Amino acid sequence: MLNLGLIGCGSIAGTHVDNIVNHLKGAQVTEVFDVVREAAEALVSKYGLSAKVATSASQVIQAEDVDAVVVCSRNDTHFEPIMEAIKAHKPVFTEKPMTTSQKECQKIVDAEVQAGQRFVQVGFMRRYDPYYQQLKKTIDSGLIGAPLMGYCRHFATVPPTEYFTTENLIDDSFVHESDILHWLFNDEYKSVQVQFPRQNSTNQNEGMRDPQIVTVKMKQGAIVNVYLDMNSHYGYEIKCQVVGEKGIAQLPEINNLDLHADRKVYHEVDYDWSNRFTEAYQLELQDFIDQVAANKSPAGPTAWDGYIANVTVDRAIQSQKTEEPLTVELPQKPALYQK
């Protein structure tokens, strides 16, 4: 049984703990920490955990009854526990983004390279979604020819919180596309551009410009437009279409149930974002558990993938200021991540 230490006990932590307790095999939570102790205690109580409530993230990482660490704390607090886990030679699953700083991402990559081992898996769960997996296999098979262009839609019913900002549409939403696109296209980014179309008059958040369009250009020439909308009102919807030389591949409609009523044939769209990737959340963490339990490095998105996403997001946020395309520049990929 793999013993997991949990850092951060908010909403996404609840998703992972629920999966560990009710859906996954081979792991248990033995230590938890949150800066708000009551949140940690509530999580332990809700899921009937026998875990200890620690007084610091470091206490979780250094605990003898912790084999691997799961970081679900606020985005700007990931760096220190990840680095300490690497130093302790303990695998770490961290929620996206890996960090909010390019320099911090670089330090994490450097730490793994120096150790000569991958410890980090970043929670880009879309790579585990069966539909994205099928899309990836179709593109790689050559069935539609070389990918020429694409379209993505990332719509939320309402902003996740009242504190969501203009930048958050990029570093909290587009960050998923910044990972999945280079994986799907098997290519590196050349440039990224953010533009602001006509703004949604129903948006009640004065600190957030919504919607936004992100245009990503790949080094081999493909161009992808990503539409971001946090005030769609009708539901949570994720789309991805890839146009190739000989055909088109796209994610299917995710139906709850086809309804024939009121002189219409229709299906409902999920209002809650958490339902769309339920299986992907389970598969990504089960994979992490299985790899670590077998004394292997995590097989999911790496620290290098986290670094790529961070660099791309940083450039996109800079592009928000001018709405001009900006070059995405990456150093040479370390040999550790080419395996």
C-alpha atoms as a PDB file:
ATOM      1  CA  MET A   1       0.000   0.000   0.000  1.00  0.00           C
ATOM      2  CA  LEU A   2       1.470   3.327  -1.106  1.00  0.00           C
ATOM      3  CA  ASN A   3       1.314   5.990   1.619  1.00  0.00           C
ATOM      4  CA  LEU A   4       0.486   9.468   0.325  1.00  0.00           C
ATOM      5  CA  GLY A   5       1.026  12.817   2.013  1.00  0.00           C
ATOM      6  CA  LEU A   6      -1.452  15.513   0.969  1.00  0.00           C
ATOM      7  CA  ILE A   7      -0.585  19.218   0.933  1.00  0.00           C
ATOM      8  CA  GLY A   8      -3.566  21.518   0.434  1.00  0.00           C
ATOM      9  CA  CYS A   9      -7.121  20.496   1.309  1.00  0.00           C
ATOM     10  CA  GLY A  10      -9.323  22.570  -0.984  1.00  0.00           C
ATOM     11  CA  SER A  11     -11.751  21.557  -3.723  1.00  0.00           C
ATOM     12  CA  ILE A  12      -9.391  19.649  -6.023  1.00  0.00           C
ATOM     13  CA  ALA A  13      -7.880  17.853  -3.023  1.00  0.00           C
ATOM     14  CA  GLY A  14     -11.371  16.605  -2.203  1.00  0.00           C
ATOM     15  CA  THR A  15     -11.684  15.218  -5.735  1.00  0.00           C
ATOM     16  CA  HIS A  16      -8.410  13.311  -5.412  1.00  0.00           C
ATOM     17  CA  VAL A  17      -9.121  12.022  -1.904  1.00  0.00           C
ATOM     18  CA  ASP A  18     -12.586  10.859  -2.928  1.00  0.00           C
ATOM     19  CA  ASN A  19     -10.992   8.931  -5.779  1.00  0.00           C
ATOM     20  CA  ILE A  20      -8.303   7.416  -3.540  1.00  0.00           C
ATOM     21  CA  VAL A  21     -10.893   6.273  -1.014  1.00  0.00           C
ATOM     22  CA  ASN A  22     -13.663   5.151  -3.355  1.00  0.00           C
ATOM     23  CA  HIS A  23     -12.263   4.408  -6.801  1.00  0.00           C
ATOM     24  CA  LEU A  24      -8.506   3.797  -6.849  1.00  0.00           C
ATOM     25  CA  LYS A  25      -6.369   0.889  -5.691  1.00  0.00           C
ATOM     26  CA  GLY A  26      -3.067   0.603  -3.886  1.00  0.00           C
ATOM     27  CA  ALA A  27      -2.849   3.868  -1.944  1.00  0.00           C
ATOM     28  CA  GLN A  28      -3.966   5.575   1.237  1.00  0.00           C
ATOM     29  CA  VAL A  29      -3.579   9.077   2.660  1.00  0.00           C
ATOM     30  CA  THR A  30      -1.490   9.045   5.838  1.00  0.00           C
ATOM     31  CA  GLU A  31      -0.616  12.734   6.379  1.00  0.00           C
ATOM     32  CA  VAL A  32      -2.451  15.949   5.446  1.00  0.00           C
ATOM     33  CA  PHE A  33      -1.676  19.645   5.774  1.00  0.00           C
ATOM     34  CA  ASP A  34      -3.442  22.877   4.992  1.00  0.00           C
ATOM     35  CA  VAL A  35      -2.626  26.412   6.124  1.00  0.00           C
ATOM     36  CA  VAL A  36      -6.174  26.415   7.490  1.00  0.00           C
ATOM     37  CA  ARG A  37      -6.030  23.538   9.934  1.00  0.00           C
ATOM     38  CA  GLU A  38      -9.830  23.277  10.049  1.00  0.00           C
ATOM     39  CA  ALA A  39      -9.861  22.498   6.310  1.00  0.00           C
ATOM     40  CA  ALA A  40      -7.476  19.587   6.832  1.00  0.00           C
ATOM     41  CA  GLU A  41      -9.470  18.299   9.783  1.00  0.00           C
ATOM     42  CA  ALA A  42     -12.720  18.572   7.795  1.00  0.00           C
ATOM     43  CA  LEU A  43     -11.263  16.575   4.904  1.00  0.00           C
ATOM     44  CA  VAL A  44     -10.037  13.845   7.235  1.00  0.00           C
ATOM     45  CA  SER A  45     -13.447  13.681   8.885  1.00  0.00           C
ATOM     46  CA  LYS A  46     -15.465  13.751   5.639  1.00  0.00           C
ATOM     47  CA  TYR A  47     -13.655  10.776   4.122  1.00  0.00           C
ATOM     48  CA  GLY A  48     -12.999   8.877   7.331  1.00  0.00           C
ATOM     49  CA  LEU A  49      -9.237   9.008   6.898  1.00  0.00           C
ATOM     50  CA  SER A  50      -6.872   7.701   9.551  1.00  0.00           C
ATOM     51  CA  ALA A  51      -4.388  10.346   8.401  1.00  0.00           C
ATOM     52  CA  LYS A  52      -2.534  12.635  10.798  1.00  0.00           C
ATOM     53  CA  VAL A  53      -3.046  16.395  10.482  1.00  0.00           C
ATOM     54  CA  ALA A  54       0.430  17.905  10.136  1.00  0.00           C
ATOM     55  CA  THR A  55       1.510  21.377  11.200  1.00  0.00           C
ATOM     56  CA  SER A  56       3.522  22.107   8.025  1.00  0.00           C
ATOM     57  CA  ALA A  57       4.076  20.928   4.482  1.00  0.00           C
ATOM     58  CA  SER A  58       7.620  19.975   5.437  1.00  0.00           C
ATOM     59  CA  GLN A  59       6.314  17.692   8.169  1.00  0.00           C
ATOM     60  CA  VAL A  60       4.224  15.852   5.581  1.00  0.00           C
ATOM     61  CA  ILE A  61       7.138  15.445   3.181  1.00  0.00           C
ATOM     62  CA  GLN A  62       9.591  14.263   5.817  1.00  0.00           C
ATOM     63  CA  ALA A  63       7.183  11.875   7.548  1.00  0.00           C
ATOM     64  CA  GLU A  64       8.362   8.265   7.616  1.00  0.00           C
ATOM     65  CA  ASP A  65       4.873   7.050   6.754  1.00  0.00           C
ATOM     66  CA  VAL A  66       4.786   9.084   3.513  1.00  0.00           C
ATOM     67  CA  ASP A  67       6.113   7.422   0.352  1.00  0.00           C
ATOM     68  CA  ALA A  68       4.941  10.061  -2.130  1.00  0.00           C
ATOM     69  CA  VAL A  69       3.496  13.560  -1.988  1.00  0.00           C
ATOM     70  CA  VAL A  70       0.354  15.064  -3.571  1.00  0.00           C
ATOM     71  CA  VAL A  71       0.415  18.880  -3.850  1.00  0.00           C
ATOM     72  CA  CYS A  72      -3.025  20.511  -4.155  1.00  0.00           C
ATOM     73  CA  SER A  73      -2.332  23.848  -2.481  1.00  0.00           C
ATOM     74  CA  ARG A  74      -2.740  27.295  -4.026  1.00  0.00           C
ATOM     75  CA  ASN A  75      -0.938  27.666  -7.373  1.00  0.00           C
ATOM     76  CA  ASP A  76       1.753  30.005  -6.072  1.00  0.00           C
ATOM     77  CA  THR A  77       2.694  27.652  -3.203  1.00  0.00           C
ATOM     78  CA  HIS A  78       3.734  24.570  -5.209  1.00  0.00           C
ATOM     79  CA  PHE A  79       7.435  25.307  -5.613  1.00  0.00           C
ATOM     80  CA  GLU A  80       8.824  24.724  -2.129  1.00  0.00           C
ATOM     81  CA  PRO A  81       7.078  21.397  -1.404  1.00  0.00           C
ATOM     82  CA  ILE A  82       8.019  20.063  -4.862  1.00  0.00           C
ATOM     83  CA  MET A  83      11.658  20.977  -4.337  1.00  0.00           C
ATOM     84  CA  GLU A  84      11.704  19.490  -0.848  1.00  0.00           C
ATOM     85  CA  ALA A  85      10.099  16.279  -2.118  1.00  0.00           C
ATOM     86  CA  ILE A  86      12.743  15.961  -4.842  1.00  0.00           C
ATOM     87  CA  LYS A  87      15.496  16.547  -2.264  1.00  0.00           C
ATOM     88  CA  ALA A  88      13.934  13.816  -0.105  1.00  0.00           C
ATOM     89  CA  HIS A  89      13.772  11.537  -3.181  1.00  0.00           C
ATOM     90  CA  LYS A  90      10.018  11.208  -2.865  1.00  0.00           C
ATOM     91  CA  PRO A  91       7.810  11.238  -5.991  1.00  0.00           C
ATOM     92  CA  VAL A  92       5.373  14.121  -6.133  1.00  0.00           C
ATOM     93  CA  PHE A  93       2.085  14.564  -7.967  1.00  0.00           C
ATOM     94  CA  THR A  94       1.338  18.276  -8.263  1.00  0.00           C
ATOM     95  CA  GLU A  95      -1.745  19.995  -9.529  1.00  0.00           C
ATOM     96  CA  LYS A  96      -1.305  22.331 -12.482  1.00  0.00           C
ATOM     97  CA  PRO A  97       0.341  24.701 -12.946  1.00  0.00           C
ATOM     98  CA  MET A  98       3.589  23.236 -11.649  1.00  0.00           C
ATOM     99  CA  THR A  99       4.474  26.723 -10.410  1.00  0.00           C
ATOM    100  CA  THR A 100       3.526  30.278 -11.374  1.00  0.00           C
ATOM    101  CA  SER A 101       7.108  31.285 -12.174  1.00  0.00           C
ATOM    102  CA  GLN A 102       9.314  30.318 -15.114  1.00  0.00           C
ATOM    103  CA  LYS A 103      12.400  30.551 -12.891  1.00  0.00           C
ATOM    104  CA  GLU A 104      10.859  28.193 -10.358  1.00  0.00           C
ATOM    105  CA  CYS A 105       9.934  25.727 -13.095  1.00  0.00           C
ATOM    106  CA  GLN A 106      13.511  25.849 -14.347  1.00  0.00           C
ATOM    107  CA  LYS A 107      14.822  25.113 -10.850  1.00  0.00           C
ATOM    108  CA  ILE A 108      12.561  22.071 -10.567  1.00  0.00           C
ATOM    109  CA  VAL A 109      13.784  20.775 -13.935  1.00  0.00           C
ATOM    110  CA  ASP A 110      17.390  21.428 -12.881  1.00  0.00           C
ATOM    111  CA  ALA A 111      16.856  19.560  -9.603  1.00  0.00           C
ATOM    112  CA  GLU A 112      15.574  16.486 -11.422  1.00  0.00           C
ATOM    113  CA  VAL A 113      18.386  16.632 -13.983  1.00  0.00           C
ATOM    114  CA  GLN A 114      20.947  16.882 -11.175  1.00  0.00           C
ATOM    115  CA  ALA A 115      19.337  13.906  -9.420  1.00  0.00           C
ATOM    116  CA  GLY A 116      19.262  11.990 -12.701  1.00  0.00           C
ATOM    117  CA  GLN A 117      15.668  10.925 -12.058  1.00  0.00           C
ATOM    118  CA  ARG A 118      12.118  12.144 -12.723  1.00  0.00           C
ATOM    119  CA  PHE A 119      10.098  12.614  -9.543  1.00  0.00           C
ATOM    120  CA  VAL A 120       7.346  14.985 -10.683  1.00  0.00           C
ATOM    121  CA  GLN A 121       4.034  14.346 -12.417  1.00  0.00           C
ATOM    122  CA  VAL A 122       1.980  17.437 -13.273  1.00  0.00           C
ATOM    123  CA  GLY A 123      -1.813  17.156 -13.110  1.00  0.00           C
ATOM    124  CA  PHE A 124      -2.619  17.804 -16.756  1.00  0.00           C
ATOM    125  CA  MET A 125      -5.459  15.308 -16.602  1.00  0.00           C
ATOM    126  CA  ARG A 126      -6.653  15.820 -20.175  1.00  0.00           C
ATOM    127  CA  ARG A 127      -3.881  13.543 -21.421  1.00  0.00           C
ATOM    128  CA  TYR A 128      -5.652  10.717 -19.576  1.00  0.00           C
ATOM    129  CA  ASP A 129      -9.112  11.481 -20.935  1.00  0.00           C
ATOM    130  CA  PRO A 130     -10.163   8.577 -23.221  1.00  0.00           C
ATOM    131  CA  TYR A 131     -11.431  10.987 -25.898  1.00  0.00           C
ATOM    132  CA  TYR A 132      -8.208  13.006 -25.995  1.00  0.00           C
ATOM    133  CA  GLN A 133      -6.303   9.705 -26.043  1.00  0.00           C
ATOM    134  CA  GLN A 134      -8.306   8.615 -29.079  1.00  0.00           C
ATOM    135  CA  LEU A 135      -7.728  11.986 -30.749  1.00  0.00           C
ATOM    136  CA  LYS A 136      -3.974  11.678 -30.148  1.00  0.00           C
ATOM    137  CA  LYS A 137      -3.841   8.120 -31.577  1.00  0.00           C
ATOM    138  CA  THR A 138      -5.784   9.202 -34.663  1.00  0.00           C
ATOM    139  CA  ILE A 139      -3.402  12.080 -35.376  1.00  0.00           C
ATOM    140  CA  ASP A 140      -0.315   9.936 -34.760  1.00  0.00           C
ATOM    141  CA  SER A 141      -1.646   7.205 -37.062  1.00  0.00           C
ATOM    142  CA  GLY A 142      -1.521   9.591 -40.025  1.00  0.00           C
ATOM    143  CA  LEU A 143      -5.148   8.893 -40.922  1.00  0.00           C
ATOM    144  CA  ILE A 144      -5.940  12.609 -41.373  1.00  0.00           C
ATOM    145  CA  GLY A 145      -2.474  13.492 -42.661  1.00  0.00           C
ATOM    146  CA  ALA A 146      -0.280  16.190 -41.199  1.00  0.00           C
ATOM    147  CA  PRO A 147      -2.249  18.532 -38.873  1.00  0.00           C
ATOM    148  CA  LEU A 148      -2.700  21.940 -40.482  1.00  0.00           C
ATOM    149  CA  MET A 149      -4.843  23.880 -38.036  1.00  0.00           C
ATOM    150  CA  GLY A 150      -7.112  23.478 -35.052  1.00  0.00           C
ATOM    151  CA  TYR A 151      -9.822  24.967 -32.898  1.00  0.00           C
ATOM    152  CA  CYS A 152     -10.387  24.645 -29.146  1.00  0.00           C
ATOM    153  CA  ARG A 153     -13.222  25.869 -26.954  1.00  0.00           C
ATOM    154  CA  HIS A 154     -12.817  26.235 -23.189  1.00  0.00           C
ATOM    155  CA  PHE A 155     -16.105  27.535 -21.805  1.00  0.00           C
ATOM    156  CA  ALA A 156     -17.267  27.776 -18.200  1.00  0.00           C
ATOM    157  CA  THR A 157     -20.787  28.503 -17.045  1.00  0.00           C
ATOM    158  CA  VAL A 158     -19.617  31.230 -14.671  1.00  0.00           C
ATOM    159  CA  PRO A 159     -16.131  32.179 -13.415  1.00  0.00           C
ATOM    160  CA  PRO A 160     -14.763  29.629 -10.907  1.00  0.00           C
ATOM    161  CA  THR A 161     -14.509  32.347  -8.248  1.00  0.00           C
ATOM    162  CA  GLU A 162     -15.441  36.002  -7.911  1.00  0.00           C
ATOM    163  CA  TYR A 163     -11.709  36.769  -7.760  1.00  0.00           C
ATOM    164  CA  PHE A 164     -10.977  35.386 -11.245  1.00  0.00           C
ATOM    165  CA  THR A 165      -8.845  37.875 -13.198  1.00  0.00           C
ATOM    166  CA  THR A 166      -7.986  38.626 -16.804  1.00  0.00           C
ATOM    167  CA  GLU A 167      -4.712  36.765 -16.311  1.00  0.00           C
ATOM    168  CA  ASN A 168      -6.491  33.765 -14.758  1.00  0.00           C
ATOM    169  CA  LEU A 169      -8.177  32.976 -18.067  1.00  0.00           C
ATOM    170  CA  ILE A 170      -4.659  32.183 -19.230  1.00  0.00           C
ATOM    171  CA  ASP A 171      -2.833  30.723 -16.213  1.00  0.00           C
ATOM    172  CA  ASP A 172      -5.803  28.775 -14.838  1.00  0.00           C
ATOM    173  CA  SER A 173      -7.807  27.888 -17.983  1.00  0.00           C
ATOM    174  CA  PHE A 174      -5.636  28.157 -21.108  1.00  0.00           C
ATOM    175  CA  VAL A 175      -2.867  26.384 -19.199  1.00  0.00           C
ATOM    176  CA  HIS A 176      -4.657  23.124 -20.069  1.00  0.00           C
ATOM    177  CA  GLU A 177      -4.547  23.893 -23.794  1.00  0.00           C
ATOM    178  CA  SER A 178      -0.933  25.029 -23.465  1.00  0.00           C
ATOM    179  CA  ASP A 179      -0.117  21.483 -22.412  1.00  0.00           C
ATOM    180  CA  ILE A 180      -2.457  19.427 -24.568  1.00  0.00           C
ATOM    181  CA  LEU A 181      -1.762  21.139 -27.903  1.00  0.00           C
ATOM    182  CA  HIS A 182       1.974  20.482 -28.188  1.00  0.00           C
ATOM    183  CA  TRP A 183       1.248  16.909 -27.068  1.00  0.00           C
ATOM    184  CA  LEU A 184      -1.456  16.406 -29.707  1.00  0.00           C
ATOM    185  CA  PHE A 185       0.479  18.064 -32.540  1.00  0.00           C
ATOM    186  CA  ASN A 186       3.828  16.567 -31.468  1.00  0.00           C
ATOM    187  CA  ASP A 187       5.384  19.939 -32.127  1.00  0.00           C
ATOM    188  CA  GLU A 188       6.852  22.922 -30.303  1.00  0.00           C
ATOM    189  CA  TYR A 189       5.296  26.375 -30.072  1.00  0.00           C
ATOM    190  CA  LYS A 190       6.593  29.213 -32.213  1.00  0.00           C
ATOM    191  CA  SER A 191       4.382  32.043 -30.966  1.00  0.00           C
ATOM    192  CA  VAL A 192       1.288  32.853 -28.927  1.00  0.00           C
ATOM    193  CA  GLN A 193      -1.115  35.782 -29.201  1.00  0.00           C
ATOM    194  CA  VAL A 194      -4.053  36.885 -27.060  1.00  0.00           C
ATOM    195  CA  GLN A 195      -6.835  39.086 -28.427  1.00  0.00           C
ATOM    196  CA  PHE A 196      -9.947  40.532 -26.826  1.00  0.00           C
ATOM    197  CA  PRO A 197     -13.112  40.327 -28.947  1.00  0.00           C
ATOM    198  CA  ARG A 198     -16.312  42.118 -28.043  1.00  0.00           C
ATOM    199  CA  GLN A 199     -16.703  41.778 -24.285  1.00  0.00           C
ATOM    200  CA  ASN A 200     -19.588  39.963 -22.619  1.00  0.00           C
ATOM    201  CA  SER A 201     -21.978  42.523 -21.121  1.00  0.00           C
ATOM    202  CA  THR A 202     -23.187  39.949 -18.558  1.00  0.00           C
ATOM    203  CA  ASN A 203     -19.735  39.691 -16.994  1.00  0.00           C
ATOM    204  CA  GLN A 204     -20.041  40.971 -13.421  1.00  0.00           C
ATOM    205  CA  ASN A 205     -16.316  40.727 -12.625  1.00  0.00           C
ATOM    206  CA  GLU A 206     -14.699  44.115 -13.230  1.00  0.00           C
ATOM    207  CA  GLY A 207     -11.225  42.615 -12.872  1.00  0.00           C
ATOM    208  CA  MET A 208     -11.694  40.131 -15.708  1.00  0.00           C
ATOM    209  CA  ARG A 209     -11.856  40.728 -19.459  1.00  0.00           C
ATOM    210  CA  ASP A 210     -13.968  37.981 -20.987  1.00  0.00           C
ATOM    211  CA  PRO A 211     -13.976  36.349 -23.518  1.00  0.00           C
ATOM    212  CA  GLN A 212     -10.469  35.998 -24.950  1.00  0.00           C
ATOM    213  CA  ILE A 213      -9.020  34.341 -28.048  1.00  0.00           C
ATOM    214  CA  VAL A 214      -5.566  32.759 -27.938  1.00  0.00           C
ATOM    215  CA  THR A 215      -3.835  32.007 -31.237  1.00  0.00           C
ATOM    216  CA  VAL A 216      -1.001  29.506 -31.064  1.00  0.00           C
ATOM    217  CA  LYS A 217       1.384  28.897 -33.955  1.00  0.00           C
ATOM    218  CA  MET A 218       3.452  25.732 -34.099  1.00  0.00           C
ATOM    219  CA  LYS A 219       7.013  25.540 -35.412  1.00  0.00           C
ATOM    220  CA  GLN A 220       5.907  23.314 -38.300  1.00  0.00           C
ATOM    221  CA  GLY A 221       3.315  25.927 -39.289  1.00  0.00           C
ATOM    222  CA  ALA A 222       0.026  24.682 -37.833  1.00  0.00           C
ATOM    223  CA  ILE A 223      -2.184  27.360 -36.240  1.00  0.00           C
ATOM    224  CA  VAL A 224      -4.712  26.757 -33.464  1.00  0.00           C
ATOM    225  CA  ASN A 225      -7.317  29.191 -32.152  1.00  0.00           C
ATOM    226  CA  VAL A 226      -8.426  28.735 -28.552  1.00  0.00           C
ATOM    227  CA  TYR A 227     -11.672  30.419 -27.475  1.00  0.00           C
ATOM    228  CA  LEU A 228     -11.911  31.148 -23.741  1.00  0.00           C
ATOM    229  CA  ASP A 229     -15.239  32.157 -22.195  1.00  0.00           C
ATOM    230  CA  MET A 230     -15.911  32.179 -18.461  1.00  0.00           C
ATOM    231  CA  ASN A 231     -19.485  33.464 -18.792  1.00  0.00           C
ATOM    232  CA  SER A 232     -21.081  31.068 -21.268  1.00  0.00           C
ATOM    233  CA  HIS A 233     -24.079  30.653 -18.902  1.00  0.00           C
ATOM    234  CA  TYR A 234     -25.315  27.568 -20.772  1.00  0.00           C
ATOM    235  CA  GLY A 235     -22.776  25.125 -19.315  1.00  0.00           C
ATOM    236  CA  TYR A 236     -19.201  23.833 -19.104  1.00  0.00           C
ATOM    237  CA  GLU A 237     -17.905  22.731 -22.491  1.00  0.00           C
ATOM    238  CA  ILE A 238     -14.533  21.605 -23.817  1.00  0.00           C
ATOM    239  CA  LYS A 239     -13.959  21.202 -27.565  1.00  0.00           C
ATOM    240  CA  CYS A 240     -10.922  20.332 -29.664  1.00  0.00           C
ATOM    241  CA  GLN A 241     -10.816  19.922 -33.429  1.00  0.00           C
ATOM    242  CA  VAL A 242      -7.738  19.166 -35.543  1.00  0.00           C
ATOM    243  CA  VAL A 243      -7.870  19.712 -39.308  1.00  0.00           C
ATOM    244  CA  GLY A 244      -5.401  17.588 -41.240  1.00  0.00           C
ATOM    245  CA  GLU A 245      -4.377  17.235 -44.879  1.00  0.00           C
ATOM    246  CA  LYS A 246      -6.822  14.385 -45.478  1.00  0.00           C
ATOM    247  CA  GLY A 247      -9.489  14.748 -42.838  1.00  0.00           C
ATOM    248  CA  ILE A 248     -10.694  16.151 -39.524  1.00  0.00           C
ATOM    249  CA  ALA A 249     -10.519  14.632 -36.039  1.00  0.00           C
ATOM    250  CA  GLN A 250     -12.334  16.150 -33.091  1.00  0.00           C
ATOM    251  CA  LEU A 251     -13.622  15.366 -29.638  1.00  0.00           C
ATOM    252  CA  PRO A 252     -17.158  13.955 -29.704  1.00  0.00           C
ATOM    253  CA  GLU A 253     -20.192  15.508 -28.127  1.00  0.00           C
ATOM    254  CA  ILE A 254     -20.279  14.417 -24.489  1.00  0.00           C
ATOM    255  CA  ASN A 255     -23.876  13.401 -24.035  1.00  0.00           C
ATOM    256  CA  ASN A 256     -25.573  12.851 -20.725  1.00  0.00           C
ATOM    257  CA  LEU A 257     -28.761  11.556 -22.273  1.00  0.00           C
ATOM    258  CA  ASP A 258     -30.522  12.208 -25.556  1.00  0.00           C
ATOM    259  CA  LEU A 259     -33.953  13.663 -24.864  1.00  0.00           C
ATOM    260  CA  HIS A 260     -36.942  13.725 -27.192  1.00  0.00           C
ATOM    261  CA  ALA A 261     -39.373  16.202 -25.656  1.00  0.00           C
ATOM    262  CA  ASP A 262     -41.046  19.555 -26.166  1.00  0.00           C
ATOM    263  CA  ARG A 263     -40.842  19.128 -29.969  1.00  0.00           C
ATOM    264  CA  LYS A 264     -37.041  18.915 -29.725  1.00  0.00           C
ATOM    265  CA  VAL A 265     -34.254  16.330 -29.701  1.00  0.00           C
ATOM    266  CA  TYR A 266     -31.462  17.479 -27.419  1.00  0.00           C
ATOM    267  CA  HIS A 267     -29.042  16.639 -24.633  1.00  0.00           C
ATOM    268  CA  GLU A 268     -28.109  18.597 -21.566  1.00  0.00           C
ATOM    269  CA  VAL A 269     -24.725  20.271 -21.073  1.00  0.00           C
ATOM    270  CA  ASP A 270     -23.021  19.893 -17.692  1.00  0.00           C
ATOM    271  CA  TYR A 271     -23.269  23.008 -15.569  1.00  0.00           C
ATOM    272  CA  ASP A 272     -20.467  21.868 -13.237  1.00  0.00           C
ATOM    273  CA  TRP A 273     -16.891  21.703 -14.574  1.00  0.00           C
ATOM    274  CA  SER A 274     -15.986  18.751 -12.331  1.00  0.00           C
ATOM    275  CA  ASN A 275     -18.052  16.166 -14.225  1.00  0.00           C
ATOM    276  CA  ARG A 276     -16.351  16.324 -17.639  1.00  0.00           C
ATOM    277  CA  PHE A 277     -13.012  14.819 -16.600  1.00  0.00           C
ATOM    278  CA  THR A 278     -14.069  12.483 -13.793  1.00  0.00           C
ATOM    279  CA  GLU A 279     -12.468   9.444 -15.422  1.00  0.00           C
ATOM    280  CA  ALA A 280      -9.337  11.360 -16.397  1.00  0.00           C
ATOM    281  CA  TYR A 281      -8.760  12.454 -12.777  1.00  0.00           C
ATOM    282  CA  GLN A 282      -8.996   8.827 -11.689  1.00  0.00           C
ATOM    283  CA  LEU A 283      -6.742   7.486 -14.428  1.00  0.00           C
ATOM    284  CA  GLU A 284      -3.975  10.046 -13.918  1.00  0.00           C
ATOM    285  CA  LEU A 285      -3.659   9.433 -10.184  1.00  0.00           C
ATOM    286  CA  GLN A 286      -3.977   5.651 -10.529  1.00  0.00           C
ATOM    287  CA  ASP A 287      -1.129   5.750 -13.040  1.00  0.00           C
ATOM    288  CA  PHE A 288       0.994   7.771 -10.610  1.00  0.00           C
ATOM    289  CA  ILE A 289       0.240   5.294  -7.811  1.00  0.00           C
ATOM    290  CA  ASP A 290       1.020   2.267  -9.983  1.00  0.00           C
ATOM    291  CA  GLN A 291       4.314   3.663 -11.264  1.00  0.00           C
ATOM    292  CA  VAL A 292       5.573   4.753  -7.868  1.00  0.00           C
ATOM    293  CA  ALA A 293       4.474   1.512  -6.187  1.00  0.00           C
ATOM    294  CA  ALA A 294       6.536  -0.357  -8.792  1.00  0.00           C
ATOM    295  CA  ASN A 295       9.573   1.831  -7.937  1.00  0.00           C
ATOM    296  CA  LYS A 296       9.402   3.566 -11.304  1.00  0.00           C
ATOM    297  CA  SER A 297       9.411   7.252 -12.176  1.00  0.00           C
ATOM    298  CA  PRO A 298       5.976   8.785 -12.838  1.00  0.00           C
ATOM    299  CA  ALA A 299       4.937   8.226 -16.449  1.00  0.00           C
ATOM    300  CA  GLY A 300       2.564  11.180 -16.805  1.00  0.00           C
ATOM    301  CA  PRO A 301       3.244  14.810 -17.757  1.00  0.00           C
ATOM    302  CA  THR A 302       6.746  15.680 -16.597  1.00  0.00           C
ATOM    303  CA  ALA A 303       8.384  18.674 -14.984  1.00  0.00           C
ATOM    304  CA  TRP A 304       9.552  19.582 -18.495  1.00  0.00           C
ATOM    305  CA  ASP A 305       5.930  19.602 -19.649  1.00  0.00           C
ATOM    306  CA  GLY A 306       5.150  21.836 -16.693  1.00  0.00           C
ATOM    307  CA  TYR A 307       7.967  24.141 -17.777  1.00  0.00           C
ATOM    308  CA  ILE A 308       6.693  24.335 -21.380  1.00  0.00           C
ATOM    309  CA  ALA A 309       3.200  25.212 -20.169  1.00  0.00           C
ATOM    310  CA  ASN A 310       4.559  27.897 -17.846  1.00  0.00           C
ATOM    311  CA  VAL A 311       6.681  29.566 -20.522  1.00  0.00           C
ATOM    312  CA  THR A 312       3.754  29.568 -22.963  1.00  0.00           C
ATOM    313  CA  VAL A 313       1.354  30.936 -20.356  1.00  0.00           C
ATOM    314  CA  ASP A 314       3.815  33.670 -19.366  1.00  0.00           C
ATOM    315  CA  ARG A 315       4.144  34.810 -22.972  1.00  0.00           C
ATOM    316  CA  ALA A 316       0.370  34.735 -23.431  1.00  0.00           C
ATOM    317  CA  ILE A 317      -0.119  36.950 -20.376  1.00  0.00           C
ATOM    318  CA  GLN A 318       2.453  39.371 -21.783  1.00  0.00           C
ATOM    319  CA  SER A 319       0.568  39.346 -25.102  1.00  0.00           C
ATOM    320  CA  GLN A 320      -2.585  40.453 -23.272  1.00  0.00           C
ATOM    321  CA  LYS A 321      -0.980  43.881 -22.868  1.00  0.00           C
ATOM    322  CA  THR A 322      -0.491  44.519 -26.594  1.00  0.00           C
ATOM    323  CA  GLU A 323      -2.606  41.826 -28.318  1.00  0.00           C
ATOM    324  CA  GLU A 324       0.440  41.111 -30.496  1.00  0.00           C
ATOM    325  CA  PRO A 325       2.003  37.668 -31.162  1.00  0.00           C
ATOM    326  CA  LEU A 326       5.031  36.901 -29.017  1.00  0.00           C
ATOM    327  CA  THR A 327       7.728  34.307 -29.652  1.00  0.00           C
ATOM    328  CA  VAL A 328       7.850  31.259 -27.375  1.00  0.00           C
ATOM    329  CA  GLU A 329      11.479  30.370 -26.725  1.00  0.00           C
ATOM    330  CA  LEU A 330      12.596  27.205 -24.953  1.00  0.00           C
ATOM    331  CA  PRO A 331      16.069  25.933 -24.088  1.00  0.00           C
ATOM    332  CA  GLN A 332      17.207  22.557 -25.353  1.00  0.00           C
ATOM    333  CA  LYS A 333      15.218  19.698 -23.888  1.00  0.00           C
ATOM    334  CA  PRO A 334      17.306  17.846 -21.280  1.00  0.00           C
ATOM    335  CA  ALA A 335      18.173  14.232 -22.074  1.00  0.00           C
ATOM    336  CA  LEU A 336      16.304  13.133 -18.919  1.00  0.00           C
ATOM    337  CA  TYR A 337      12.979  13.993 -20.587  1.00  0.00           C
ATOM    338  CA  GLN A 338      13.787  12.460 -23.966  1.00  0.00           C
ATOM    339  CA  LYS A 339      13.493   8.918 -22.661  1.00  0.00           C
END
